[in-house]
Every structure is written in C-alpha cells, then in structure tokens.
C-alpha cells in the first residue's frame, strides 16, 4: 500500500513539475510588479536570500525572521504561483480577521492592481477573503475564527506571524491540507521566546543561515550579532553612533554597508542540520540593504535601558528569541514564597477561594486570605491546597471540606459542565472567559449566565506578580509539576501599530496551575466586591 501511495504521489509530482516549467522565482520576476521602495518588476537584487526560499521544493519550511526582510513577499509570490501555475488552492492565515482584511487590501489587492497578469488571473479581485482563479482559490483568513478555518480545503498553507497566533488554531489551519496527497506548509514569524512558536518549529528544521564570501578576506562567513555590529557610542543620542559599522567575524575588518548589493548576490544557505525534511531559514537585519548599521546601533542602545525596546531589538531587528529579565518566574522566586506549612495540612478558616482550570484534569488551587497591610489589597493569599482530579463531581467534597467562599472555573473547553457546577453553587461560583478590551483588573460579571469576563494579561500580572513581590505563601512541599506550570508563562511586551507597548503572556508548556492561581485571585476580588461590574455587556 505504501508503494502504491508513493507511486501515485510521484506521478502527481511529475505532472506538477511539467506544468511548472518555470520555478516560483522566475515566475515572480516575470509577472509580479512592485511599488515603493523598489518599484518595477520583482527582483531579488535587494533580497538575494529569497531566491532559494522561492524555489525550495520541500513540503514544509519555516522562516525565523527579523522584520522587513521579504519573507512575507515570498509567501505572497508562492501563493500566486500555486494558484496560477499549479492550479492549487492556498490558505493564507494571519493573526486576526482585521489583519487578514487589511492585508488582503493592502498587499494582495495592490499586487493585482500593479500586475495585468494577476488582474486577469482572478475573477473576483475585490472579494477580501476569497479570490478565485478558475478551480483554484486564494483564501485569506484570520487565525481566531475556527469556523472560517474549518471550511477551507487547500493544498498550500501559509502561516504568517505565527507567534501572534494560538497554537491550536495553527494546527487547525494546517489540518486543512490533510486531505491533500501533496501539501505545502510554510510558517514564518519574528520570534518571541525560546520554546515557543516559530522558534520551536525552527529547532526541528535544517536551521539554515545565509552565508557569503567576505569582500575583504574571501572566507565564507555570515553576519551574526553581536560579533559583526560595531557600535560607536554609549547613547542613542551620541553623534558618534552614526559611525557604527559592520565587520567580518573572521578577519575583523570593516564591511561596507553600500557593498552588500554586490557581495550578497552569490550568498548561499548553509544548513546546521541535515537529518530533517523540514527546511528552516533565518536571517537578521544585519543583512538588510536599506537599514544601515547606525540605525541598528541606535536600536541596540535604546534596548539597554528600556525592556520594551530590548524585546523589540532582539525579536524584530536580530530575529532571535529573547527573554527580558523578570519576564517569567524562576525556581528562586517561587522558593522565596514558601511558608512553613505543607500542602493540605492547614485548617481552612476565614476567607477561602478556589481556582479551577479545565483540561484533561481539573487542576485546582485553594487560597486562604490573611490580613496583610503591606499588600495593596490589604490581604495576602496563603495557598493551603493544590491538586488535580479527573471528574467534576470530585470537586463537591473539596469545595465543602475547605469551606470555599468563592470560586472561579475555566469556562472552556467543558462549557456545559462548568456552567452546571456554577449553578449548583449559585452565589459562590462563576466561570471565566478571557477577553480583550476589558479594563485592567476589572471583572465584568453576568449573574444570569454565571460568567465573568476579564483581561487575561492584567490578571496574570496580578496573580503571578505576587511571586515577584513575595505577597503569597505556598506550601513548602508544593509539587514540582506545579512549579513548572508557573514557570511556563512568559510576559512579552511588544509595540503595536500605534507604537504603544502591549503586553501578553506566551506559554511554553503546560500552565494549568498558573491559571488556577489566576482564577483564585479573581475569586477573591469577587468575594470582596472589588473591581466588579455586574450585568455589563
């Protein structure tokens, strides 16, 4: 059966290759027309590293990139190529529906308007989410709409800015190609942190770097940070920073920025690993022909004093994952919060709250709140019991034995069971939906549905922040697994399109007890009535 499958697959591949006399790179230079900053027919002159990415015939590749290095243009060209030459459908996925709509209008539609060939290819060019080229379609979707992703069949899947997407939705998008005998999966993104998103994917790939022959010493080399960026100044406002330059890491001689357009043309991708079928490409802005070393030097110096600039510099300018100091909990900070009590050994008394995260297990976290004038709330949580159970009915005895006054449970994925539990303990329990747009540290409560809606980031700031400020006491024997869950959430601050700093939490592993702690914090605020807005829609 496997032999028959491979024979059929090879037959189809040979048919596709006969139809694609030209490769994606030559197709792009023939039919794609660009606007500013490099108007005219598409060219690899200013982005020579893109040529091999266009023509790679592997079924899957990933791109860990810095900003503005042409990776998105590569995905756009390959999308057009698949529709035009191969007559296969493409699903192009961006983080949100709004971004997908804007991207369709500003990138795809403008490409169609500039190219008569592309304008004639599609028969519904003004359709924002779907463009049809005969039997082939170009679907442009946001990653947060499950229904819009599930309804799309495609042989080519383009995941653009993967680190801004939920991993479950990325898997759902890729599943759209599962019915195809031959599929092509491409994922690109600026990275955020180790073990997450594009960095996690890149780690399983060939991990290729773009190498070139040094114009000074003629040795094969690459631009790496910090070795190759020589910063001439101590402040981003020093006039001397304008003299910053690039150097060869082999001979330590200066490499002129203006000469990149010459010596990079013969560059090659060099893999770090060869035992994988997934190709991975990485490049930083040190290679950019329109970003001079002085501008990168300014960004580097700003990063020395501003955590937001620090995250942006490493992620967007250098294209590397980075962890800003204090952005996640570590073993030391967790251990400093240990009390003298053991798990489940304290007698419950006073104000007792419980948080429950729903998954394969029901992870719960129970706090007793003691008066503490050093804490902004006037109270300090003492964690007296955390554990996990398999079934919802097992929570009944725990709620009663620990005299829980208020609890919050994850609304999803067990929507019906969570609602039943809250109705059973009417007045004590609410199910939680994480949303965006709510004011920080406020709770929007719907008494009829027994639901609260909260801003995920601001509440994690509060509940996990207690470990940073030592305003929580935990059992001295708290499980290793629970400690790991707390450490798997990392706070990332990036700038949005308005240049405003926006924080979010990325998870690099199981984090159920971290969210249970978060829900227990919300339960406390519900119990004392602080920051609660009732029946608001």
Protein backbone atom coordinates (compact mmCIF):
# COMPACT_ATOMS: atom_id res chain seq x y z
CA UNK A 1 0.00 0.00 0.00
CA UNK A 2 2.83 2.39 0.83
CA UNK A 3 4.46 1.58 -2.51
CA UNK A 4 1.23 2.36 -4.38
CA UNK A 5 0.90 5.59 -2.43
CA UNK A 6 4.43 6.69 -3.31
CA UNK A 7 3.89 5.80 -6.97
CA UNK A 8 0.74 7.90 -7.12
CA UNK A 9 2.43 10.75 -5.30
CA UNK A 10 5.44 10.72 -7.64
CA UNK A 11 3.14 10.65 -10.66
CA UNK A 12 1.33 13.73 -9.40
CA UNK A 13 4.60 15.46 -8.58
CA UNK A 14 5.93 14.81 -12.07
CA UNK A 15 2.73 16.23 -13.52
CA UNK A 16 3.07 19.35 -11.42
CA UNK A 17 6.69 19.79 -12.45
CA UNK A 18 5.72 19.52 -16.13
CA UNK A 19 3.13 22.23 -15.59
CA UNK A 20 5.62 24.44 -13.76
CA UNK A 21 8.24 24.91 -16.44
CA UNK A 22 9.43 27.99 -14.57
CA UNK A 23 10.08 27.96 -10.83
CA UNK A 24 8.45 30.35 -8.38
CA UNK A 25 11.45 32.70 -8.54
CA UNK A 26 11.32 33.09 -12.34
CA UNK A 27 7.52 33.38 -12.21
CA UNK A 28 7.86 36.26 -9.72
CA UNK A 29 10.40 38.13 -11.84
CA UNK A 30 8.13 37.77 -14.88
CA UNK A 31 4.66 38.54 -13.52
CA UNK A 32 5.00 40.31 -10.17
CA UNK A 33 5.20 44.12 -10.22
CA UNK A 34 6.24 46.06 -7.13
CA UNK A 35 5.66 49.56 -5.79
CA UNK A 36 7.94 51.54 -3.49
CA UNK A 37 10.66 51.26 -2.22
CA UNK A 38 11.78 49.12 -5.19
CA UNK A 39 9.27 49.86 -7.97
CA UNK A 40 9.10 47.82 -11.15
CA UNK A 41 9.29 44.11 -11.92
CA UNK A 42 10.01 41.96 -8.88
CA UNK A 43 13.73 41.45 -8.37
CA UNK A 44 15.99 39.56 -5.97
CA UNK A 45 18.64 42.29 -6.21
CA UNK A 46 17.91 43.72 -2.76
CA UNK A 47 16.82 40.39 -1.20
CA UNK A 48 19.02 37.68 -2.77
CA UNK A 49 18.35 35.29 0.14
CA UNK A 50 14.73 34.98 -1.06
CA UNK A 51 15.53 33.17 -4.31
CA UNK A 52 16.23 29.78 -2.73
CA UNK A 53 13.21 30.21 -0.45
CA UNK A 54 11.02 30.72 -3.53
CA UNK A 55 12.31 27.60 -5.26
CA UNK A 56 12.60 25.19 -2.31
CA UNK A 57 10.52 22.12 -3.25
CA UNK A 58 10.25 20.65 0.24
CA UNK A 59 6.76 20.09 1.56
CA UNK A 60 7.44 22.23 4.61
CA UNK A 61 9.71 25.08 5.56
CA UNK A 62 9.83 27.62 8.37
CA UNK A 63 11.23 31.13 8.42
CA UNK A 64 12.53 32.66 11.66
CA UNK A 65 12.97 36.24 10.57
CA UNK A 66 13.67 39.77 11.57
CA UNK A 67 11.25 42.42 10.30
CA UNK A 68 11.20 43.76 6.75
CA UNK A 69 13.40 41.06 5.20
CA UNK A 70 11.00 39.97 2.45
CA UNK A 71 9.71 36.69 3.91
CA UNK A 72 6.09 37.80 3.54
CA UNK A 73 6.70 38.73 -0.12
CA UNK A 74 7.99 35.21 -0.62
CA UNK A 75 4.74 33.75 0.78
CA UNK A 76 2.67 36.09 -1.41
CA UNK A 77 4.59 35.10 -4.55
CA UNK A 78 4.35 31.39 -3.77
CA UNK A 79 0.60 31.83 -3.20
CA UNK A 80 0.14 33.44 -6.61
CA UNK A 81 2.40 30.82 -8.19
CA UNK A 82 0.36 27.96 -6.70
CA UNK A 83 -2.89 29.47 -7.99
CA UNK A 84 -1.56 30.43 -11.43
CA UNK A 85 0.81 27.64 -12.47
CA UNK A 86 -0.11 24.66 -10.29
CA UNK A 87 -3.86 25.39 -10.16
CA UNK A 88 -3.94 24.58 -6.45
CA UNK A 89 -5.75 26.41 -3.67
CA UNK A 90 -3.95 28.37 -0.95
CA UNK A 91 -4.98 29.23 2.61
CA UNK A 92 -3.14 32.35 3.82
CA UNK A 93 -3.50 32.82 7.59
CA UNK A 94 -2.78 35.97 9.61
CA UNK A 95 -3.29 36.52 13.36
CA UNK A 96 -6.72 38.24 13.26
CA UNK A 97 -9.59 38.77 10.84
CA UNK A 98 -8.94 42.52 10.83
CA UNK A 99 -5.30 41.95 9.93
CA UNK A 100 -6.35 39.47 7.23
CA UNK A 101 -8.75 42.02 5.75
CA UNK A 102 -6.17 44.82 5.83
CA UNK A 103 -3.51 42.52 4.41
CA UNK A 104 -5.80 41.43 1.58
CA UNK A 105 -6.50 45.05 0.65
CA UNK A 106 -3.00 46.47 1.03
CA UNK A 107 -0.80 43.59 -0.12
CA UNK A 108 -2.77 41.23 -2.34
CA UNK A 109 -5.06 43.80 -3.98
CA UNK A 110 -2.22 46.23 -4.61
CA UNK A 111 -0.22 43.39 -6.22
CA UNK A 112 -3.17 42.65 -8.51
CA UNK A 113 -3.57 46.31 -9.46
CA UNK A 114 0.11 46.58 -10.43
CA UNK A 115 0.18 43.38 -12.50
CA UNK A 116 -2.08 42.93 -15.56
CA UNK A 117 -1.32 39.19 -15.49
CA UNK A 118 -2.58 38.81 -11.92
CA UNK A 119 -5.58 41.06 -12.54
CA UNK A 120 -6.66 38.75 -15.35
CA UNK A 121 -5.97 35.65 -13.30
CA UNK A 122 -8.68 36.25 -10.69
CA UNK A 123 -12.35 36.73 -11.46
CA UNK A 124 -13.39 38.28 -8.12
CA UNK A 125 -10.49 40.54 -7.23
CA UNK A 126 -12.46 42.71 -4.80
CA UNK A 127 -13.52 39.82 -2.58
CA UNK A 128 -11.46 40.41 0.56
CA UNK A 129 -11.39 36.87 1.98
CA UNK A 130 -11.55 34.70 -1.16
CA UNK A 131 -10.06 35.24 -4.61
CA UNK A 132 -10.85 32.68 -7.31
CA UNK A 133 -8.55 31.71 -10.18
CA UNK A 134 -10.52 29.10 -12.12
CA UNK A 135 -10.66 25.96 -9.95
CA UNK A 136 -8.06 27.32 -7.54
CA UNK A 137 -8.78 29.76 -4.71
CA UNK A 138 -6.76 32.07 -2.50
CA UNK A 139 -8.36 32.11 0.95
CA UNK A 140 -7.21 34.88 3.31
CA UNK A 141 -8.24 34.26 6.91
CA UNK A 142 -7.63 35.36 10.49
CA UNK A 143 -6.47 32.63 12.85
CA UNK A 144 -9.08 33.24 15.56
CA UNK A 145 -12.17 32.17 13.60
CA UNK A 146 -12.47 28.42 13.96
CA UNK A 147 -15.44 28.17 11.60
CA UNK A 148 -13.75 30.14 8.80
CA UNK A 149 -10.65 27.94 9.01
CA UNK A 150 -12.52 24.64 9.16
CA UNK A 151 -14.48 25.32 5.98
CA UNK A 152 -11.41 25.78 3.76
CA UNK A 153 -9.69 22.96 1.80
CA UNK A 154 -6.24 23.85 0.45
CA UNK A 155 -3.01 22.18 -0.63
CA UNK A 156 -0.89 25.18 0.35
CA UNK A 157 -0.97 26.63 3.88
CA UNK A 158 0.77 29.95 4.60
CA UNK A 159 1.10 30.87 8.29
CA UNK A 160 2.26 34.50 8.57
CA UNK A 161 3.35 35.84 12.01
CA UNK A 162 2.90 32.53 13.77
CA UNK A 163 4.00 33.82 17.18
CA UNK A 164 0.91 36.02 17.34
CA UNK A 165 -1.40 33.02 16.93
CA UNK A 166 -2.83 30.36 19.22
CA UNK A 167 -1.01 27.07 18.62
CA UNK A 168 -4.30 25.14 18.50
CA UNK A 169 -5.58 27.37 15.69
CA UNK A 170 -2.32 26.93 13.77
CA UNK A 171 -2.80 23.17 13.96
CA UNK A 172 -6.39 23.59 12.79
CA UNK A 173 -5.24 25.63 9.78
CA UNK A 174 -2.62 23.04 8.84
CA UNK A 175 -5.26 20.33 9.12
CA UNK A 176 -6.97 21.94 6.09
CA UNK A 177 -4.30 20.27 3.94
CA UNK A 178 -4.71 16.82 5.48
CA UNK A 179 -6.90 15.61 2.63
CA UNK A 180 -4.29 16.53 0.02
CA UNK A 181 -1.92 13.91 -1.36
CA UNK A 182 0.72 16.61 -1.79
CA UNK A 183 0.76 19.52 0.61
CA UNK A 184 2.97 22.54 1.22
CA UNK A 185 3.18 24.14 4.68
CA UNK A 186 5.04 27.41 5.21
CA UNK A 187 5.37 29.16 8.57
CA UNK A 188 7.10 32.50 9.12
CA UNK A 189 7.32 34.87 12.06
CA UNK A 190 9.52 37.15 14.04
CA UNK A 191 10.33 35.04 17.13
CA UNK A 192 9.43 35.90 20.71
CA UNK A 193 10.87 33.47 23.28
CA UNK A 194 12.68 30.12 23.40
CA UNK A 195 10.49 27.06 23.08
CA UNK A 196 7.53 28.91 21.60
CA UNK A 197 6.01 29.40 18.15
CA UNK A 198 8.41 29.83 15.26
CA UNK A 199 11.48 29.16 17.41
CA UNK A 200 10.03 25.81 18.45
CA UNK A 201 9.41 24.96 14.77
CA UNK A 202 12.82 26.24 13.66
CA UNK A 203 14.55 23.99 16.21
CA UNK A 204 13.28 20.90 14.34
CA UNK A 205 14.37 22.17 10.90
CA UNK A 206 17.62 22.34 8.95
CA UNK A 207 18.34 25.72 10.65
CA UNK A 208 19.92 27.35 7.61
CA UNK A 209 21.88 30.62 7.77
CA UNK A 210 22.71 32.79 4.77
CA UNK A 211 26.47 32.74 4.15
CA UNK A 212 28.56 34.89 1.80
CA UNK A 213 32.16 35.36 0.79
CA UNK A 214 33.71 38.23 2.77
CA UNK A 215 34.71 41.00 0.30
CA UNK A 216 37.87 41.58 2.39
CA UNK A 217 39.26 38.15 3.32
CA UNK A 218 37.25 35.98 0.85
CA UNK A 219 36.32 33.47 3.56
CA UNK A 220 32.79 32.09 3.73
CA UNK A 221 31.07 33.79 6.66
CA UNK A 222 27.82 35.25 7.91
CA UNK A 223 26.59 38.31 9.80
CA UNK A 224 25.94 37.48 13.46
CA UNK A 225 25.11 39.64 16.45
CA UNK A 226 26.92 40.93 18.45
CA UNK A 227 30.19 39.99 16.72
CA UNK A 228 29.52 41.83 13.48
CA UNK A 229 27.83 45.04 14.68
CA UNK A 230 30.36 47.56 16.00
CA UNK A 231 28.54 50.24 17.97
CA UNK A 232 30.48 53.53 18.23
CA UNK A 233 28.77 55.34 21.08
CA UNK A 234 27.27 54.95 24.54
CA UNK A 235 23.94 56.66 23.98
CA UNK A 236 21.41 56.53 21.11
CA UNK A 237 21.71 60.31 21.01
CA UNK A 238 25.52 60.43 20.61
CA UNK A 239 26.58 61.86 17.29
CA UNK A 240 29.32 59.24 17.12
CA UNK A 241 26.73 56.44 16.77
CA UNK A 242 26.37 57.42 13.12
CA UNK A 243 29.84 55.92 12.56
CA UNK A 244 28.76 52.42 13.65
CA UNK A 245 29.64 49.73 11.13
CA UNK A 246 29.64 46.03 10.28
CA UNK A 247 32.70 43.81 10.41
CA UNK A 248 33.61 40.32 9.24
CA UNK A 249 33.64 37.91 12.17
CA UNK A 250 36.56 36.06 10.56
CA UNK A 251 39.04 38.83 9.71
CA UNK A 252 37.55 41.62 11.91
CA UNK A 253 37.78 44.06 9.01
CA UNK A 254 35.04 46.57 8.22
CA UNK A 255 32.48 45.54 5.60
CA UNK A 256 30.90 48.47 3.81
CA UNK A 257 27.12 48.61 4.03
CA UNK A 258 26.95 50.01 0.49
CA UNK A 259 28.72 46.92 -0.90
CA UNK A 260 26.09 44.42 0.29
CA UNK A 261 24.27 44.74 -3.02
CA UNK A 262 27.34 43.21 -4.67
CA UNK A 263 28.77 40.51 -2.40
CA UNK A 264 25.44 39.12 -1.15
CA UNK A 265 24.28 38.17 -4.66
CA UNK A 266 26.33 34.96 -4.56
CA UNK A 267 25.35 34.07 -0.98
CA UNK A 268 24.18 30.55 -0.14
CA UNK A 269 22.03 28.96 2.54
CA UNK A 270 24.10 26.69 4.80
CA UNK A 271 22.24 24.14 6.96
CA UNK A 272 23.17 23.35 10.57
CA UNK A 273 21.24 20.06 10.47
CA UNK A 274 20.67 17.61 7.64
CA UNK A 275 18.61 14.86 9.31
CA UNK A 276 15.25 16.53 8.77
CA UNK A 277 12.94 17.08 5.80
CA UNK A 278 11.81 20.48 7.11
CA UNK A 279 13.89 23.36 5.84
CA UNK A 280 14.39 26.32 8.14
CA UNK A 281 15.64 29.77 7.15
CA UNK A 282 16.93 32.53 9.43
CA UNK A 283 18.24 35.98 8.66
CA UNK A 284 18.69 39.22 10.62
CA UNK A 285 18.54 42.90 9.69
CA UNK A 286 22.33 42.96 9.63
CA UNK A 287 21.85 41.78 6.02
CA UNK A 288 19.35 44.49 5.11
CA UNK A 289 20.35 46.78 2.27
CA UNK A 290 18.10 49.63 3.36
CA UNK A 291 18.78 49.57 7.14
CA UNK A 292 22.26 50.98 7.83
CA UNK A 293 24.35 49.76 10.79
CA UNK A 294 23.93 53.13 12.52
CA UNK A 295 20.17 52.62 12.78
CA UNK A 296 20.65 49.17 14.30
CA UNK A 297 23.18 50.65 16.71
CA UNK A 298 20.62 53.21 17.88
CA UNK A 299 18.05 50.45 18.48
CA UNK A 300 20.65 48.43 20.39
CA UNK A 301 21.49 51.35 22.67
CA UNK A 302 17.81 52.05 23.36
CA UNK A 303 17.45 48.41 24.33
CA UNK A 304 19.97 48.86 27.14
CA UNK A 305 17.58 50.95 29.24
CA UNK A 306 14.07 50.05 28.04
CA UNK A 307 12.71 46.47 28.38
CA UNK A 308 10.20 47.06 25.57
CA UNK A 309 12.97 48.22 23.23
CA UNK A 310 15.10 45.28 24.39
CA UNK A 311 12.41 42.77 23.38
CA UNK A 312 11.85 44.53 20.05
CA UNK A 313 15.54 44.74 19.22
CA UNK A 314 16.25 41.04 19.65
CA UNK A 315 12.97 39.83 18.14
CA UNK A 316 12.40 42.29 15.28
CA UNK A 317 15.90 43.57 14.44
CA UNK A 318 18.02 40.49 15.14
CA UNK A 319 15.32 37.88 14.61
CA UNK A 320 16.20 35.89 17.73
CA UNK A 321 14.11 34.72 20.70
CA UNK A 322 14.83 36.70 23.84
CA UNK A 323 13.87 36.71 27.50
CA UNK A 324 13.82 40.07 29.30
CA UNK A 325 14.89 39.85 32.94
CA UNK A 326 11.90 39.44 35.27
CA UNK A 327 9.52 38.38 32.50
CA UNK A 328 8.93 34.90 33.98
CA UNK A 329 9.11 33.17 37.31
CA UNK A 330 12.09 31.03 38.25
CA UNK A 331 12.78 28.47 40.95
CA UNK A 332 14.38 31.03 43.26
CA UNK A 333 11.41 33.42 43.22
CA UNK A 334 8.97 30.59 43.78
CA UNK A 335 11.03 29.15 46.66
CA UNK A 336 11.21 32.55 48.37
CA UNK A 337 7.41 32.38 48.73
CA UNK A 338 7.41 29.08 50.62
CA UNK A 339 5.71 29.09 54.01
CA UNK A 340 6.25 26.62 56.82
CA UNK A 341 3.08 24.62 56.10
CA UNK A 342 2.59 21.54 53.97
CA UNK A 343 0.10 21.02 51.18
CA UNK A 344 -3.39 20.23 52.56
CA UNK A 345 -2.16 20.36 56.18
CA UNK A 346 -3.57 23.75 57.22
CA UNK A 347 -7.05 24.00 58.68
CA UNK A 348 -9.31 26.09 56.42
CA UNK A 349 -10.67 29.22 58.09
CA UNK A 350 -11.66 32.72 57.16
CA UNK A 351 -12.00 33.77 53.52
CA UNK A 352 -11.32 30.76 51.28
CA UNK A 353 -11.11 30.97 47.47
CA UNK A 354 -10.58 28.36 44.77
CA UNK A 355 -9.48 28.50 41.15
CA UNK A 356 -10.09 25.59 38.76
CA UNK A 357 -8.51 25.16 35.32
CA UNK A 358 -10.21 22.70 32.98
CA UNK A 359 -8.32 20.29 30.74
CA UNK A 360 -7.66 16.56 30.73
CA UNK A 361 -7.63 17.04 34.50
CA UNK A 362 -9.26 19.64 36.73
CA UNK A 363 -6.32 21.46 38.29
CA UNK A 364 -7.35 23.46 41.35
CA UNK A 365 -5.70 25.97 43.68
CA UNK A 366 -7.15 26.93 47.10
CA UNK A 367 -6.10 30.07 48.97
CA UNK A 368 -6.80 31.29 52.48
CA UNK A 369 -6.65 35.07 52.73
CA UNK A 370 -4.95 36.65 55.75
CA UNK A 371 -4.85 40.33 56.67
CA UNK A 372 -1.62 41.98 55.47
CA UNK A 373 -1.21 45.74 55.50
CA UNK A 374 1.90 45.55 53.29
CA UNK A 375 -0.18 44.21 50.39
CA UNK A 376 -2.08 46.70 48.18
CA UNK A 377 -5.30 44.68 48.66
CA UNK A 378 -4.82 44.51 52.43
CA UNK A 379 -4.72 40.71 52.22
CA UNK A 380 -2.15 38.04 51.46
CA UNK A 381 -3.09 34.64 49.98
CA UNK A 382 -1.81 31.55 51.76
CA UNK A 383 -2.06 28.59 49.43
CA UNK A 384 -3.20 25.66 51.54
CA UNK A 385 -4.13 23.06 48.93
CA UNK A 386 -3.49 22.46 45.25
CA UNK A 387 -4.08 19.23 43.38
CA UNK A 388 -5.93 17.80 40.38
CA UNK A 389 -8.90 15.50 39.93
CA UNK A 390 -10.37 13.74 36.93
CA UNK A 391 -14.12 14.28 37.29
CA UNK A 392 -16.29 17.31 38.08
CA UNK A 393 -18.23 15.50 40.84
CA UNK A 394 -14.96 15.12 42.80
CA UNK A 395 -14.93 18.90 43.29
CA UNK A 396 -18.04 18.79 45.52
CA UNK A 397 -16.26 17.28 48.53
CA UNK A 398 -13.27 19.61 48.11
CA UNK A 399 -15.48 22.70 47.96
CA UNK A 400 -17.27 21.63 51.16
CA UNK A 401 -14.27 20.30 53.11
CA UNK A 402 -12.29 23.51 52.51
CA UNK A 403 -15.27 25.79 53.15
CA UNK A 404 -14.73 27.64 49.87
CA UNK A 405 -16.46 31.04 49.93
CA UNK A 406 -15.87 31.91 46.26
CA UNK A 407 -14.54 30.01 43.25
CA UNK A 408 -13.85 30.66 39.57
CA UNK A 409 -13.60 27.90 36.97
CA UNK A 410 -12.40 27.92 33.37
CA UNK A 411 -15.42 28.25 31.05
CA UNK A 412 -13.88 26.19 28.25
CA UNK A 413 -13.49 23.54 26.98
CA UNK A 414 -16.21 21.93 29.20
CA UNK A 415 -18.74 24.74 28.82
CA UNK A 416 -21.79 22.77 29.95
CA UNK A 417 -20.16 21.11 32.97
CA UNK A 418 -18.57 24.37 34.15
CA UNK A 419 -21.95 26.10 33.96
CA UNK A 420 -23.64 23.25 35.86
CA UNK A 421 -21.08 23.50 38.68
CA UNK A 422 -21.59 27.26 38.97
CA UNK A 423 -25.39 26.89 39.00
CA UNK A 424 -25.12 24.19 41.65
CA UNK A 425 -23.24 26.62 43.90
CA UNK A 426 -25.15 29.74 42.91
CA UNK A 427 -23.67 32.81 44.55
CA UNK A 428 -20.27 31.16 45.07
CA UNK A 429 -19.08 30.14 41.60
CA UNK A 430 -18.52 31.79 38.22
CA UNK A 431 -16.98 30.50 35.01
CA UNK A 432 -14.35 32.69 33.37
CA UNK A 433 -13.81 33.82 29.80
CA UNK A 434 -10.56 35.55 28.95
CA UNK A 435 -11.28 38.51 26.68
CA UNK A 436 -9.62 41.64 25.37
CA UNK A 437 -10.94 45.15 25.78
CA UNK A 438 -11.97 44.97 29.43
CA UNK A 439 -10.34 47.49 31.72
CA UNK A 440 -7.31 46.13 33.57
CA UNK A 441 -8.03 44.34 36.84
CA UNK A 442 -11.80 44.65 36.46
CA UNK A 443 -14.36 41.87 36.32
CA UNK A 444 -17.42 42.06 34.09
CA UNK A 445 -19.99 39.78 35.72
CA UNK A 446 -23.14 38.28 34.23
CA UNK A 447 -25.22 36.86 37.07
CA UNK A 448 -27.75 35.18 34.77
CA UNK A 449 -25.15 33.14 32.89
CA UNK A 450 -22.76 32.80 35.86
CA UNK A 451 -19.93 34.13 33.68
CA UNK A 452 -17.19 36.65 34.31
CA UNK A 453 -15.11 38.27 31.58
CA UNK A 454 -11.62 39.55 32.35
CA UNK A 455 -8.49 40.78 30.60
CA UNK A 456 -6.10 37.82 30.62
CA UNK A 457 -2.82 39.76 30.75
CA UNK A 458 -3.67 42.19 33.54
CA UNK A 459 -4.98 39.41 35.81
CA UNK A 460 -1.93 37.24 35.23
CA UNK A 461 0.17 40.31 36.06
CA UNK A 462 -1.65 40.48 39.39
CA UNK A 463 -1.81 36.79 40.31
CA UNK A 464 1.73 35.84 39.21
CA UNK A 465 3.07 39.20 40.33
CA UNK A 466 2.57 38.10 43.92
CA UNK A 467 5.53 35.74 43.47
CA UNK A 468 7.73 38.60 42.26
CA UNK A 469 6.76 40.75 45.28
CA UNK A 470 6.61 37.82 47.76
CA UNK A 471 2.98 38.63 48.61
CA UNK A 472 1.92 34.98 48.66
CA UNK A 473 2.77 31.94 50.81
CA UNK A 474 2.81 28.49 49.22
CA UNK A 475 3.22 25.01 50.73
CA UNK A 476 6.83 24.08 51.36
CA UNK A 477 6.19 20.77 49.61
CA UNK A 478 4.37 22.16 46.57
CA UNK A 479 4.71 19.73 43.67
CA UNK A 480 7.50 20.11 41.14
CA UNK A 481 4.89 19.93 38.35
CA UNK A 482 3.00 22.91 39.78
CA UNK A 483 6.20 24.94 39.99
CA UNK A 484 6.91 24.13 36.34
CA UNK A 485 3.43 25.29 35.34
CA UNK A 486 4.11 28.67 36.96
CA UNK A 487 7.40 28.96 35.06
CA UNK A 488 5.89 28.15 31.66
CA UNK A 489 4.19 31.55 31.30
CA UNK A 490 6.40 34.35 29.98
CA UNK A 491 5.39 38.01 29.79
CA UNK A 492 6.20 39.63 26.44
CA UNK A 493 5.87 43.35 25.70
CA UNK A 494 5.80 44.41 22.05
CA UNK A 495 4.77 47.61 20.29
CA UNK A 496 1.56 47.64 18.28
CA UNK A 497 0.85 49.50 15.02
CA UNK A 498 0.43 52.72 17.02
CA UNK A 499 3.84 52.24 18.67
CA UNK A 500 2.17 51.56 22.00
CA UNK A 501 3.62 48.87 24.31
CA UNK A 502 1.23 45.90 24.53
CA UNK A 503 1.85 43.02 26.93
CA UNK A 504 0.81 39.39 26.55
CA UNK A 505 1.72 36.03 28.05
CA UNK A 506 3.18 33.21 25.98
CA UNK A 507 3.09 29.63 27.23
CA UNK A 508 6.00 27.26 26.57
CA UNK A 509 4.42 24.24 28.23
CA UNK A 510 1.56 23.07 30.49
CA UNK A 511 0.33 26.01 32.60
CA UNK A 512 -2.86 24.72 34.25
CA UNK A 513 -1.89 25.52 37.84
CA UNK A 514 -0.79 29.03 36.83
CA UNK A 515 -4.30 29.69 35.51
CA UNK A 516 -5.87 28.02 38.57
CA UNK A 517 -3.90 30.52 40.70
CA UNK A 518 -5.21 33.30 38.45
CA UNK A 519 -8.81 32.15 38.92
CA UNK A 520 -8.37 32.00 42.70
CA UNK A 521 -7.22 35.64 42.61
CA UNK A 522 -10.37 36.59 40.70
CA UNK A 523 -12.48 34.65 43.22
CA UNK A 524 -11.03 36.81 46.00
CA UNK A 525 -11.99 40.02 44.19
CA UNK A 526 -15.48 38.63 43.60
CA UNK A 527 -15.76 37.82 47.32
CA UNK A 528 -14.86 41.33 48.46
CA UNK A 529 -16.67 43.03 45.54
CA UNK A 530 -13.65 45.00 44.35
CA UNK A 531 -13.46 45.97 40.66
CA UNK A 532 -16.65 44.07 39.79
CA UNK A 533 -19.13 45.42 37.24
CA UNK A 534 -22.39 43.47 37.22
CA UNK A 535 -24.51 42.55 34.22
CA UNK A 536 -22.43 44.63 31.79
CA UNK A 537 -22.39 43.53 28.16
